[in-house]
Amino acid sequence: IAIDNQEPPRRFDMTVDANGKFGFTRGIANVSLLPEGDATRMEYRAELQVGGKIASVGQRLLDMVSRTMLRSGLEALGKEVRRRLESGS
């Protein structure tokens, strides 16, 4: 996962390029961070390609896998952002 086109603290793009035993996932997510009271709301739009053996399983599973992978990446990013904010770096 790579972070590009950063405009802190408002937006960034996240590029995904993963290969494994059962196939691949490639794509981009455009992420916006919007102030909302004392919190921040994250909105994103993602386009992913999934191929290889996993692609033959079916569209429903692909949609679920794509959403799960994106959610995992965004959750990891959120943890890292919180860690940096708490440490002051």
Protein backbone atom coordinates (compact mmCIF):
# COMPACT_ATOMS: atom_id res chain seq x y z
CA ILE A 1 0.00 0.00 0.00
CA ALA A 2 1.35 3.42 -0.95
CA ILE A 3 0.10 6.87 0.03
CA ASP A 4 0.18 9.52 -2.73
CA ASN A 5 -1.20 13.00 -3.55
CA GLN A 6 -1.26 14.03 0.08
CA GLU A 7 -2.93 17.27 1.10
CA PRO A 8 -2.64 17.04 4.89
CA PRO A 9 -4.88 17.04 6.78
CA ARG A 10 -7.64 16.95 4.14
CA ARG A 11 -7.03 14.16 1.63
CA PHE A 12 -4.75 11.54 0.15
CA ASP A 13 -4.82 8.67 -2.33
CA MET A 14 -3.99 5.12 -1.34
CA THR A 15 -2.68 2.73 -4.00
CA VAL A 16 -2.99 -1.02 -3.41
CA ASP A 17 -0.92 -3.60 -5.29
CA ALA A 18 -0.93 -7.08 -3.75
CA ASN A 19 -0.08 -10.48 -5.22
CA GLY A 20 -0.44 -13.83 -3.58
CA LYS A 21 -1.00 -17.53 -4.06
CA PHE A 22 -4.63 -17.10 -5.10
CA GLY A 23 -4.40 -14.01 -7.24
CA PHE A 24 -3.92 -10.27 -7.11
CA THR A 25 -5.58 -7.04 -6.02
CA ARG A 26 -4.78 -3.65 -7.55
CA GLY A 27 -6.49 -0.35 -7.18
CA ILE A 28 -6.74 3.10 -5.73
CA ALA A 29 -8.74 4.70 -2.96
CA ASN A 30 -9.33 8.44 -2.74
CA VAL A 31 -9.65 9.33 0.94
CA SER A 32 -11.01 12.57 2.41
CA LEU A 33 -10.80 13.52 6.08
CA LEU A 34 -13.56 15.90 7.13
CA PRO A 35 -13.84 17.69 10.49
CA GLU A 36 -17.07 16.78 12.24
CA GLY A 37 -17.41 18.34 15.69
CA ASP A 38 -14.68 16.93 17.93
CA ALA A 39 -14.10 14.02 15.56
CA THR A 40 -13.00 13.41 11.98
CA ARG A 41 -15.15 11.67 9.39
CA MET A 42 -13.34 9.59 6.75
CA GLU A 43 -14.93 9.24 3.32
CA TYR A 44 -13.45 7.21 0.50
CA ARG A 45 -14.06 6.04 -3.03
CA ALA A 46 -12.23 2.97 -4.21
CA GLU A 47 -11.73 1.10 -7.45
CA LEU A 48 -10.16 -2.33 -7.21
CA GLN A 49 -9.26 -5.07 -9.64
CA VAL A 50 -9.06 -8.63 -8.39
CA GLY A 51 -7.80 -11.46 -10.58
CA GLY A 52 -6.28 -14.91 -10.66
CA LYS A 53 -7.77 -18.01 -9.05
CA ILE A 54 -9.73 -15.95 -6.56
CA ALA A 55 -11.57 -14.24 -9.43
CA SER A 56 -13.26 -17.50 -10.38
CA VAL A 57 -14.97 -17.78 -6.99
CA GLY A 58 -17.68 -15.28 -7.82
CA GLN A 59 -18.56 -11.62 -7.78
CA ARG A 60 -20.13 -11.61 -4.31
CA LEU A 61 -17.01 -12.99 -2.71
CA LEU A 62 -14.85 -10.57 -4.69
CA ASP A 63 -16.88 -7.62 -3.47
CA MET A 64 -16.59 -8.84 0.11
CA VAL A 65 -12.84 -9.48 -0.18
CA SER A 66 -12.22 -6.07 -1.78
CA ARG A 67 -14.18 -4.27 0.93
CA THR A 68 -12.46 -6.27 3.67
CA MET A 69 -8.99 -5.55 2.28
CA LEU A 70 -9.76 -1.84 1.92
CA ARG A 71 -11.27 -1.66 5.42
CA SER A 72 -8.20 -3.41 6.86
CA GLY A 73 -5.87 -0.97 5.13
CA LEU A 74 -7.85 2.05 6.31
CA GLU A 75 -8.05 0.70 9.88
CA ALA A 76 -4.26 0.17 9.90
CA LEU A 77 -3.80 3.70 8.60
CA GLY A 78 -6.13 5.05 11.30
CA LYS A 79 -4.12 3.26 14.02
CA GLU A 80 -0.90 4.71 12.67
CA VAL A 81 -2.36 8.24 12.52
CA ARG A 82 -3.60 7.92 16.12
CA ARG A 83 -0.21 6.60 17.23
CA ARG A 84 1.57 9.53 15.62
CA LEU A 85 -0.85 12.05 17.08
CA GLU A 86 -0.46 10.57 20.56
CA SER A 87 3.34 10.55 20.32
CA GLY A 88 3.44 14.06 18.88
CA SER A 89 5.38 13.11 15.72
